[in-house]
N, C-alpha and C. Protein backbone atom coordinates (compact mmCIF):
# COMPACT_ATOMS: atom_id res chain seq x y z
N MET A 1 -59.94 28.23 28.97
CA MET A 1 -59.44 26.84 29.29
C MET A 1 -58.67 27.76 29.79
N ARG A 2 -57.86 27.04 30.48
CA ARG A 2 -56.03 27.64 31.34
C ARG A 2 -55.19 26.57 31.05
N ILE A 3 -54.24 26.63 30.74
CA ILE A 3 -52.89 26.37 30.22
C ILE A 3 -52.10 26.57 31.12
N LEU A 4 -50.74 25.79 31.02
CA LEU A 4 -49.75 25.72 31.78
C LEU A 4 -48.55 26.01 30.68
N THR A 5 -47.79 26.94 31.14
CA THR A 5 -46.76 27.40 29.57
C THR A 5 -45.44 27.89 30.55
N ASP A 6 -44.65 28.10 29.80
CA ASP A 6 -42.69 28.10 30.26
C ASP A 6 -42.95 29.40 29.54
N ILE A 7 -42.52 30.60 30.08
CA ILE A 7 -42.31 31.78 29.58
C ILE A 7 -40.73 32.49 30.44
N PRO A 8 -40.28 33.00 29.55
CA PRO A 8 -38.71 33.51 30.26
C PRO A 8 -38.97 34.80 30.72
N ASP A 9 -38.50 34.70 32.23
CA ASP A 9 -38.65 36.21 32.87
C ASP A 9 -38.08 37.03 31.82
N GLU A 10 -37.55 37.50 31.69
CA GLU A 10 -37.33 38.18 30.48
C GLU A 10 -38.66 39.08 29.97
N ASP A 11 -39.31 37.86 29.60
CA ASP A 11 -40.34 38.44 28.25
C ASP A 11 -41.56 38.36 29.76
N ILE A 12 -41.72 38.02 30.80
CA ILE A 12 -42.56 38.36 31.20
C ILE A 12 -42.53 39.72 31.92
N GLU A 13 -41.25 40.01 32.34
CA GLU A 13 -41.36 41.58 32.77
C GLU A 13 -41.67 42.30 31.82
N LYS A 14 -41.19 42.50 30.43
CA LYS A 14 -41.94 43.34 29.27
C LYS A 14 -43.56 42.91 29.43
N LEU A 15 -44.01 42.26 29.03
CA LEU A 15 -45.60 41.91 29.68
C LEU A 15 -46.24 42.43 30.17
N ASP A 16 -45.62 42.18 31.80
CA ASP A 16 -46.19 42.76 32.73
C ASP A 16 -46.15 44.24 32.62
N ALA A 17 -44.89 45.25 31.97
CA ALA A 17 -44.78 46.38 32.10
C ALA A 17 -45.91 46.93 30.91
N LEU A 18 -45.96 45.96 29.74
CA LEU A 18 -46.68 46.46 28.79
C LEU A 18 -48.46 46.44 29.37
N ALA A 19 -48.82 45.55 29.80
CA ALA A 19 -50.05 45.41 30.53
C ALA A 19 -50.05 46.60 31.49
N ALA A 20 -49.15 46.80 32.82
CA ALA A 20 -49.61 47.98 32.92
C ALA A 20 -49.85 49.29 32.70
N ARG A 21 -49.10 49.17 31.60
CA ARG A 21 -49.58 51.02 30.73
C ARG A 21 -50.68 50.74 30.10
N GLU A 22 -50.87 49.59 29.35
CA GLU A 22 -52.24 49.90 29.02
C GLU A 22 -53.52 49.10 30.24
N LYS A 23 -53.11 49.23 31.23
CA LYS A 23 -54.22 49.42 32.43
C LYS A 23 -55.05 47.99 32.25
N ARG A 24 -54.14 47.01 31.88
CA ARG A 24 -54.75 45.40 31.97
C ARG A 24 -53.96 44.07 32.54
N SER A 25 -54.74 43.13 32.49
CA SER A 25 -54.29 42.41 33.05
C SER A 25 -52.86 41.59 32.11
N ARG A 26 -52.22 40.31 33.01
CA ARG A 26 -51.00 39.97 32.07
C ARG A 26 -51.98 38.94 30.88
N ALA A 27 -53.25 38.27 31.58
CA ALA A 27 -54.00 37.16 30.89
C ALA A 27 -54.62 37.87 29.80
N ALA A 28 -55.17 38.67 29.71
CA ALA A 28 -55.24 39.71 28.47
C ALA A 28 -54.64 40.18 27.71
N ALA A 29 -53.43 40.12 27.89
CA ALA A 29 -52.52 40.84 27.32
C ALA A 29 -51.91 39.64 26.59
N ILE A 30 -52.10 38.19 27.24
CA ILE A 30 -51.38 36.98 26.31
C ILE A 30 -52.78 36.39 25.91
N ARG A 31 -54.12 36.69 25.84
CA ARG A 31 -55.03 35.98 25.04
C ARG A 31 -54.92 37.07 23.76
N ASP A 32 -54.55 38.01 23.98
CA ASP A 32 -54.53 39.25 22.95
C ASP A 32 -53.47 38.57 21.82
N ALA A 33 -52.84 38.28 22.38
CA ALA A 33 -50.91 37.94 21.72
C ALA A 33 -51.50 36.72 20.99
N VAL A 34 -51.86 35.62 21.67
CA VAL A 34 -52.02 34.43 21.03
C VAL A 34 -53.09 34.64 19.85
N ARG A 35 -54.42 35.63 20.38
CA ARG A 35 -55.36 36.26 18.96
C ARG A 35 -54.60 36.80 17.83
N LEU A 36 -53.78 37.56 18.34
CA LEU A 36 -52.84 37.88 16.90
C LEU A 36 -52.11 37.16 16.24
N TYR A 37 -51.40 36.01 16.82
CA TYR A 37 -50.55 34.97 16.58
C TYR A 37 -51.32 34.05 15.35
N LEU A 38 -52.55 34.30 15.67
CA LEU A 38 -53.59 32.74 14.93
C LEU A 38 -54.02 33.29 13.98
N VAL A 39 -54.10 34.76 14.02
CA VAL A 39 -54.52 35.65 12.67
C VAL A 39 -53.52 35.73 11.87
N GLN A 40 -52.58 36.03 12.26
CA GLN A 40 -51.19 36.40 11.35
C GLN A 40 -50.75 35.07 10.77
N ASN A 41 -51.01 33.74 11.11
CA ASN A 41 -50.43 32.39 10.82
C ASN A 41 -51.50 31.62 10.30
N SER A 42 -52.80 31.78 10.18
CA SER A 42 -53.92 31.33 9.88
C SER A 42 -53.67 31.21 8.16
N GLY A 43 -53.46 31.85 6.89
CA GLY A 43 -52.78 31.73 6.07
C GLY A 43 -54.16 32.41 5.37
N ASN A 44 -54.97 33.01 6.21
CA ASN A 44 -56.18 33.49 5.45
C ASN A 44 -56.05 34.91 5.42
N LYS A 45 -56.17 35.27 4.10
CA LYS A 45 -55.73 36.80 3.83
C LYS A 45 -57.51 37.39 3.50
N GLU A 46 -58.28 36.95 3.84
CA GLU A 46 -59.66 38.36 3.89
C GLU A 46 -60.20 39.07 4.38
N TRP A 47 -58.87 39.89 5.47
CA TRP A 47 -58.87 40.91 5.34
C TRP A 47 -58.34 42.28 4.31
N ILE A 48 -57.71 41.46 3.61
CA ILE A 48 -57.19 42.00 2.62
C ILE A 48 -58.56 42.77 1.53
N ALA A 49 -59.32 41.44 1.43
CA ALA A 49 -60.42 41.84 0.23
C ALA A 49 -61.68 42.74 1.28
N ARG A 50 -61.66 42.50 2.53
CA ARG A 50 -62.64 43.44 3.44
C ARG A 50 -61.81 45.18 3.12
N GLY A 51 -60.41 45.28 3.11
CA GLY A 51 -60.34 46.50 3.44
C GLY A 51 -59.91 47.25 2.19
N ALA A 52 -60.13 46.39 0.95
CA ALA A 52 -59.32 46.94 -0.73
C ALA A 52 -60.99 47.86 -0.87
N GLY A 53 -60.50 49.13 -0.92
CA GLY A 53 -61.16 50.43 -1.63
C GLY A 53 -61.94 50.88 -0.15
N TYR A 54 -61.49 50.67 0.73
CA TYR A 54 -61.86 51.36 2.04
C TYR A 54 -62.50 52.92 1.74
N TRP A 55 -61.03 53.63 1.22
CA TRP A 55 -60.87 55.27 0.95
C TRP A 55 -61.42 55.36 -0.07
N LYS A 56 -61.84 54.68 -1.11
CA LYS A 56 -62.51 55.03 -2.77
C LYS A 56 -63.56 56.09 -1.82
N GLY A 57 -63.51 57.13 -2.82
CA GLY A 57 -64.82 57.72 -2.87
C GLY A 57 -64.51 58.76 -2.03
N ARG A 58 -62.96 58.71 -1.28
CA ARG A 58 -63.32 59.80 0.04
C ARG A 58 -62.64 61.00 -0.75
N GLU A 59 -63.00 62.28 -1.20
CA GLU A 59 -63.05 63.42 -1.60
C GLU A 59 -62.16 64.33 -0.52
N ASP A 60 -61.95 63.78 0.60
CA ASP A 60 -61.22 65.23 1.26
C ASP A 60 -59.84 64.31 1.89
N ILE A 61 -59.57 63.47 1.23
CA ILE A 61 -57.92 63.23 1.31
C ILE A 61 -57.48 63.12 0.09
N GLY A 62 -57.78 63.64 -1.16
CA GLY A 62 -57.00 64.05 -2.20
C GLY A 62 -56.22 62.23 -2.93
N ASP A 63 -55.57 63.17 -3.95
CA ASP A 63 -54.82 62.38 -5.07
C ASP A 63 -53.25 61.40 -3.91
N ALA A 64 -53.42 60.40 -3.56
CA ALA A 64 -52.56 59.74 -3.18
C ALA A 64 -51.17 59.73 -3.41
N ILE A 65 -51.17 59.98 -4.85
CA ILE A 65 -49.54 60.04 -5.66
C ILE A 65 -49.16 61.48 -5.06
N GLU A 66 -50.06 62.37 -5.21
CA GLU A 66 -49.80 63.83 -5.06
C GLU A 66 -49.24 64.01 -3.52
N TYR A 67 -49.92 62.93 -2.73
CA TYR A 67 -49.94 63.19 -1.14
C TYR A 67 -48.44 62.79 -0.83
N GLN A 68 -47.51 61.98 -1.46
CA GLN A 68 -46.53 61.18 -1.62
C GLN A 68 -45.34 61.84 -1.79
N ARG A 69 -45.53 63.25 -3.31
CA ARG A 69 -44.68 63.37 -3.46
C ARG A 69 -44.57 64.59 -2.64
N SER A 70 -45.61 65.07 -2.09
CA SER A 70 -45.55 66.40 -1.03
C SER A 70 -44.62 65.79 -0.16
N MET A 71 -44.49 64.61 0.36
CA MET A 71 -44.40 63.99 1.27
C MET A 71 -42.44 64.28 1.10
N ARG A 72 -42.10 64.00 0.53
CA ARG A 72 -41.00 63.56 -0.12
C ARG A 72 -40.46 64.47 -0.86
N GLU A 73 -40.69 65.95 -0.88
CA GLU A 73 -40.49 66.86 -1.75
C GLU A 73 -39.05 67.39 -1.48
N ASP A 74 -38.62 67.35 0.23
CA ASP A 74 -37.38 67.53 1.05
C ASP A 74 -36.55 66.84 0.66
N ARG A 75 -36.47 65.66 -0.18
CA ARG A 75 -35.18 64.67 -0.35
C ARG A 75 -34.94 64.73 -1.34
N THR A 76 -33.73 64.20 -1.58
CA THR A 76 -32.70 64.44 -2.54
C THR A 76 -33.23 63.59 -3.51
N PRO A 77 -33.26 63.68 -5.01
CA PRO A 77 -33.36 63.08 -5.99
C PRO A 77 -32.52 61.95 -6.31
N TYR A 78 -32.81 60.49 -6.58
CA TYR A 78 -32.09 59.71 -6.68
C TYR A 78 -30.95 59.45 -8.16
N ASP A 79 -31.42 60.74 -8.59
CA ASP A 79 -30.77 60.92 -10.02
C ASP A 79 -29.43 61.91 -9.68
N ASP A 80 -29.77 63.02 -7.90
CA ASP A 80 -28.81 63.73 -7.94
C ASP A 80 -27.82 62.68 -6.82
N LEU A 81 -27.82 61.47 -6.42
CA LEU A 81 -26.89 60.85 -5.79
C LEU A 81 -25.75 60.38 -6.35
């Protein structure tokens, strides 16, 4: 279905630049934006249930808490601030 809508020139310029970078049409970028908007505002949180436990059982990842601690080793502890 075709629609007519007013979009500010500044937004069109940004949209065109993004579409060109991704080698897509402006229309494809707009369709994706509308689809994303509808998903984010649908109130349906089914994606959370689908993703729950996705990494469960993976042995190559290791312990998530240990990973977080290793990433934060170089930070100053809150007690020292």
